Amino acid sequence: MKILIIEDFELLRDSLCQGLREAGFAVDTAGDGETGLWQAKSGHYDVIVLDLMLPRLDGLTILKQLRGLGVASHVLILTAKDTTPDRIKGLDTGADDYLVKPFEFAELLARVRALVRRKYQAKNPVLRVQDMEIDTTTRTVKRADRLIELTPREYALLEFLAMRQGQIVTRSDLWEHVYEFHDDASSNVVDVFIGHLRRKIDLPGLSRLIQTRRGHGYMLGGPT
């Protein structure tokens, strides 16, 4: 899943970026409001972590513009303002969650995961696709009770497909939600990683879970 961090304090921004990447997310960052708004307008982000006190454009103004444009990315506000009216104002402007500084990274990570599940209407942190089980909290995958070792990129692809199981997911959708802005968008990189993923999850004697839909993309858990 893809996260945008809009935070002007470089030390905090870099720390959040590193932690979220280590947790398996693709992460882009912005250090001021104007740059953050420009990036967020793409609508490619599953969650936007948004500071309120930003140079050039404040967080609430960014939030108002995004909601006015119909950008549906979930927004987690970060702020030092902890009064009830401040929280109400942020939520009423269109935020999905609110976290007061200082905070523990573990709590931010849990809130980001919850927002991702909410976006894809997945209440249970454990996703099940036929005989495969994906634990989005521990980032572990089992099929037929056998643990499957995946690279972070392979896991990210699988989780995104699982969040939309039974639906056709285009290559561009996979790229936009799994890869970072600066990644090399070569024409076949998604296909290559899908191939790696198939070789690991399609165990001998079991059905193929990832289906190719020619000219459209891929589907996880659909009919063959």
Protein backbone atom coordinates (compact mmCIF):
# COMPACT_ATOMS: atom_id res chain seq x y z
CA MET A 1 0.00 0.00 0.00
CA LYS A 2 1.11 3.56 -0.70
CA ILE A 3 1.47 6.34 1.88
CA LEU A 4 2.17 10.07 1.52
CA ILE A 5 3.72 11.90 4.47
CA ILE A 6 3.30 15.70 4.45
CA GLU A 7 5.43 16.94 7.36
CA ASP A 8 7.86 19.88 7.49
CA PHE A 9 9.96 18.69 10.45
CA GLU A 10 12.66 16.75 8.60
CA LEU A 11 13.71 14.51 11.47
CA LEU A 12 10.14 13.33 12.11
CA ARG A 13 9.41 13.02 8.38
CA ASP A 14 12.48 10.84 7.80
CA SER A 15 11.75 8.74 10.88
CA LEU A 16 8.16 8.08 9.80
CA CYS A 17 9.28 7.33 6.26
CA GLN A 18 11.84 4.78 7.42
CA GLY A 19 9.44 3.12 9.85
CA LEU A 20 6.62 2.82 7.34
CA ARG A 21 8.94 1.47 4.67
CA GLU A 22 10.26 -1.12 7.11
CA ALA A 23 6.63 -2.03 7.77
CA GLY A 24 6.23 -2.74 4.05
CA PHE A 25 4.57 0.40 2.74
CA ALA A 26 5.60 2.36 -0.34
CA VAL A 27 6.19 5.90 0.97
CA ASP A 28 6.47 9.32 -0.68
CA THR A 29 7.16 12.49 1.31
CA ALA A 30 6.68 16.25 1.08
CA GLY A 31 8.17 18.94 3.31
CA ASP A 32 5.73 21.77 2.63
CA GLY A 33 2.05 22.23 1.94
CA GLU A 34 2.20 23.20 -1.73
CA THR A 35 4.35 20.21 -2.69
CA GLY A 36 2.21 17.92 -0.56
CA LEU A 37 -1.01 19.11 -2.19
CA TRP A 38 0.46 18.62 -5.66
CA GLN A 39 1.42 15.05 -4.82
CA ALA A 40 -1.81 14.24 -2.98
CA LYS A 41 -3.98 15.39 -5.91
CA SER A 42 -2.92 12.30 -7.84
CA GLY A 43 -5.28 10.27 -5.65
CA HIS A 44 -2.89 7.31 -5.78
CA TYR A 45 -2.29 7.20 -2.02
CA ASP A 46 -4.13 4.83 0.26
CA VAL A 47 -3.35 6.99 3.30
CA ILE A 48 -2.03 10.54 3.67
CA VAL A 49 -0.30 11.41 6.95
CA LEU A 50 -0.83 15.16 7.19
CA ASP A 51 0.68 17.69 9.59
CA LEU A 52 -1.46 20.76 10.17
CA MET A 53 1.26 23.38 10.71
CA LEU A 54 3.05 23.50 7.35
CA PRO A 55 4.94 26.18 5.42
CA ARG A 56 3.39 27.61 2.24
CA LEU A 57 0.01 25.94 2.77
CA ASP A 58 -1.51 24.67 6.01
CA GLY A 59 -2.90 21.19 6.51
CA LEU A 60 -6.57 22.12 6.83
CA THR A 61 -6.43 24.07 3.56
CA ILE A 62 -4.86 21.02 1.88
CA LEU A 63 -7.59 18.79 3.31
CA LYS A 64 -10.40 21.10 2.15
CA GLN A 65 -8.98 21.23 -1.38
CA LEU A 66 -8.51 17.47 -1.58
CA ARG A 67 -12.06 16.74 -0.46
CA GLY A 68 -13.36 19.42 -2.82
CA LEU A 69 -11.58 17.67 -5.68
CA GLY A 70 -13.04 14.32 -4.66
CA VAL A 71 -9.73 12.76 -3.59
CA ALA A 72 -10.75 9.72 -1.54
CA SER A 73 -7.41 8.92 0.14
CA HIS A 74 -7.82 8.41 3.88
CA VAL A 75 -6.17 11.21 5.88
CA LEU A 76 -4.51 10.86 9.28
CA ILE A 77 -3.89 14.29 10.81
CA LEU A 78 -0.80 14.87 12.95
CA THR A 79 -0.86 17.91 15.19
CA ALA A 80 0.25 19.36 18.51
CA LYS A 81 -3.23 20.82 18.99
CA ASP A 82 -5.03 18.48 21.37
CA THR A 83 -8.21 20.31 22.35
CA THR A 84 -11.61 18.86 21.54
CA PRO A 85 -12.58 21.79 19.22
CA ASP A 86 -9.34 21.28 17.24
CA ARG A 87 -10.08 17.58 16.81
CA ILE A 88 -13.67 18.27 15.79
CA LYS A 89 -12.56 20.86 13.24
CA GLY A 90 -10.07 18.47 11.67
CA LEU A 91 -12.54 15.59 11.47
CA ASP A 92 -15.35 17.81 10.16
CA THR A 93 -13.03 19.13 7.45
CA GLY A 94 -12.67 15.60 6.08
CA ALA A 95 -9.97 13.84 8.09
CA ASP A 96 -10.45 10.15 8.87
CA ASP A 97 -8.34 10.02 12.02
CA TYR A 98 -6.39 12.32 14.33
CA LEU A 99 -3.15 11.75 16.24
CA VAL A 100 -1.68 14.23 18.70
CA LYS A 101 2.07 14.83 18.95
CA PRO A 102 4.08 13.42 20.58
CA PHE A 103 2.98 9.87 19.76
CA GLU A 104 4.36 6.35 19.65
CA PHE A 105 5.19 5.09 16.18
CA ALA A 106 3.46 1.78 16.97
CA GLU A 107 0.18 3.65 17.42
CA LEU A 108 0.60 5.56 14.17
CA LEU A 109 1.34 2.30 12.36
CA ALA A 110 -1.76 0.65 13.83
CA ARG A 111 -3.90 3.61 12.77
CA VAL A 112 -2.48 3.56 9.24
CA ARG A 113 -3.21 -0.17 8.94
CA ALA A 114 -6.76 0.41 10.20
CA LEU A 115 -7.31 3.16 7.60
CA VAL A 116 -6.06 0.89 4.83
CA ARG A 117 -8.48 -1.83 5.94
CA ARG A 118 -11.30 0.71 6.07
CA LYS A 119 -10.57 1.88 2.54
CA TYR A 120 -10.87 -1.65 1.19
CA GLN A 121 -13.72 -2.58 3.56
CA ALA A 122 -11.64 -5.27 5.23
CA LYS A 123 -12.57 -5.30 8.92
CA ASN A 124 -10.48 -8.38 9.73
CA PRO A 125 -6.68 -7.87 9.71
CA VAL A 126 -6.38 -11.46 8.48
CA LEU A 127 -7.33 -11.78 4.81
CA ARG A 128 -8.40 -15.18 3.47
CA VAL A 129 -8.37 -16.18 -0.18
CA GLN A 130 -9.44 -19.79 -0.58
CA ASP A 131 -6.80 -21.79 1.35
CA MET A 132 -4.41 -18.85 1.71
CA GLU A 133 -4.22 -16.68 4.85
CA ILE A 134 -2.60 -13.23 4.88
CA ASP A 135 -2.00 -11.59 8.26
CA THR A 136 -1.67 -7.87 7.51
CA THR A 137 -0.41 -7.12 11.03
CA THR A 138 2.50 -9.56 11.09
CA ARG A 139 2.83 -9.54 7.27
CA THR A 140 2.92 -13.33 7.16
CA VAL A 141 1.39 -15.55 4.49
CA LYS A 142 0.31 -19.16 4.80
CA ARG A 143 -1.17 -21.51 2.26
CA ALA A 144 -2.50 -24.91 3.24
CA ASP A 145 -0.95 -24.25 6.70
CA ARG A 146 2.50 -23.78 5.13
CA LEU A 147 4.39 -20.53 5.79
CA ILE A 148 5.43 -18.77 2.57
CA GLU A 149 8.46 -16.48 2.62
CA LEU A 150 7.96 -13.35 0.50
CA THR A 151 10.09 -10.29 -0.20
CA PRO A 152 8.59 -6.94 0.86
CA ARG A 153 7.66 -6.11 -2.74
CA GLU A 154 6.07 -9.53 -3.32
CA TYR A 155 4.08 -9.18 -0.11
CA ALA A 156 2.92 -5.68 -1.06
CA LEU A 157 1.63 -6.92 -4.42
CA LEU A 158 -0.15 -9.86 -2.81
CA GLU A 159 -1.76 -7.75 -0.09
CA PHE A 160 -3.10 -5.24 -2.63
CA LEU A 161 -4.53 -8.03 -4.79
CA ALA A 162 -6.05 -9.62 -1.67
CA MET A 163 -7.70 -6.36 -0.63
CA ARG A 164 -9.42 -6.43 -4.02
CA GLN A 165 -9.88 -10.16 -4.38
CA GLY A 166 -12.31 -11.24 -7.06
CA GLN A 167 -11.76 -7.96 -8.94
CA ILE A 168 -9.57 -7.29 -11.96
CA VAL A 169 -6.60 -5.12 -10.95
CA THR A 170 -4.79 -3.36 -13.77
CA ARG A 171 -1.02 -3.08 -14.01
CA SER A 172 -1.32 0.69 -13.58
CA ASP A 173 -3.34 0.21 -10.36
CA LEU A 174 -0.65 -2.11 -9.01
CA TRP A 175 2.05 0.36 -9.93
CA GLU A 176 0.29 3.35 -8.41
CA HIS A 177 -0.44 1.65 -5.07
CA VAL A 178 2.69 -0.45 -4.52
CA TYR A 179 5.61 1.53 -5.99
CA GLU A 180 7.09 4.84 -4.92
CA PHE A 181 7.24 7.96 -7.06
CA HIS A 182 10.96 7.60 -7.83
CA ASP A 183 10.82 3.90 -8.74
CA ASP A 184 11.71 2.88 -12.28
CA ALA A 185 8.43 2.33 -14.09
CA SER A 186 9.74 -0.10 -16.71
CA SER A 187 7.03 -1.77 -18.75
CA ASN A 188 7.31 -5.30 -17.39
CA VAL A 189 8.39 -4.83 -13.77
CA VAL A 190 4.92 -5.66 -12.39
CA ASP A 191 4.72 -8.78 -14.55
CA VAL A 192 8.14 -9.91 -13.34
CA PHE A 193 7.17 -9.62 -9.67
CA ILE A 194 3.82 -11.31 -10.31
CA GLY A 195 5.79 -14.19 -11.82
CA HIS A 196 7.98 -14.41 -8.70
CA LEU A 197 4.87 -14.33 -6.51
CA ARG A 198 3.13 -17.08 -8.46
CA ARG A 199 6.08 -19.42 -8.12
CA LYS A 200 5.91 -19.06 -4.34
CA ILE A 201 2.17 -19.22 -3.63
CA ASP A 202 1.05 -21.72 -6.28
CA LEU A 203 2.27 -24.80 -4.44
CA PRO A 204 2.33 -28.20 -6.17
CA GLY A 205 -1.07 -29.88 -6.21
CA LEU A 206 -2.95 -26.66 -5.36
CA SER A 207 -5.02 -24.36 -7.58
CA ARG A 208 -3.57 -21.23 -9.15
CA LEU A 209 -4.69 -18.20 -7.17
CA ILE A 210 -3.48 -15.34 -9.40
CA GLN A 211 -5.33 -15.27 -12.70
CA THR A 212 -4.24 -13.24 -15.73
CA ARG A 213 -6.96 -11.34 -17.57
CA ARG A 214 -5.47 -10.67 -20.97
CA GLY A 215 -5.49 -7.00 -21.88
CA HIS A 216 -6.81 -6.03 -18.45
CA GLY A 217 -4.59 -7.14 -15.58
CA TYR A 218 -4.71 -9.67 -12.76
CA MET A 219 -7.26 -11.16 -10.41
CA LEU A 220 -6.68 -12.94 -7.11
CA GLY A 221 -9.09 -15.68 -6.10
CA GLY A 222 -11.37 -15.39 -9.11
CA PRO A 223 -12.58 -18.21 -11.34
CA THR A 224 -9.95 -19.77 -13.62
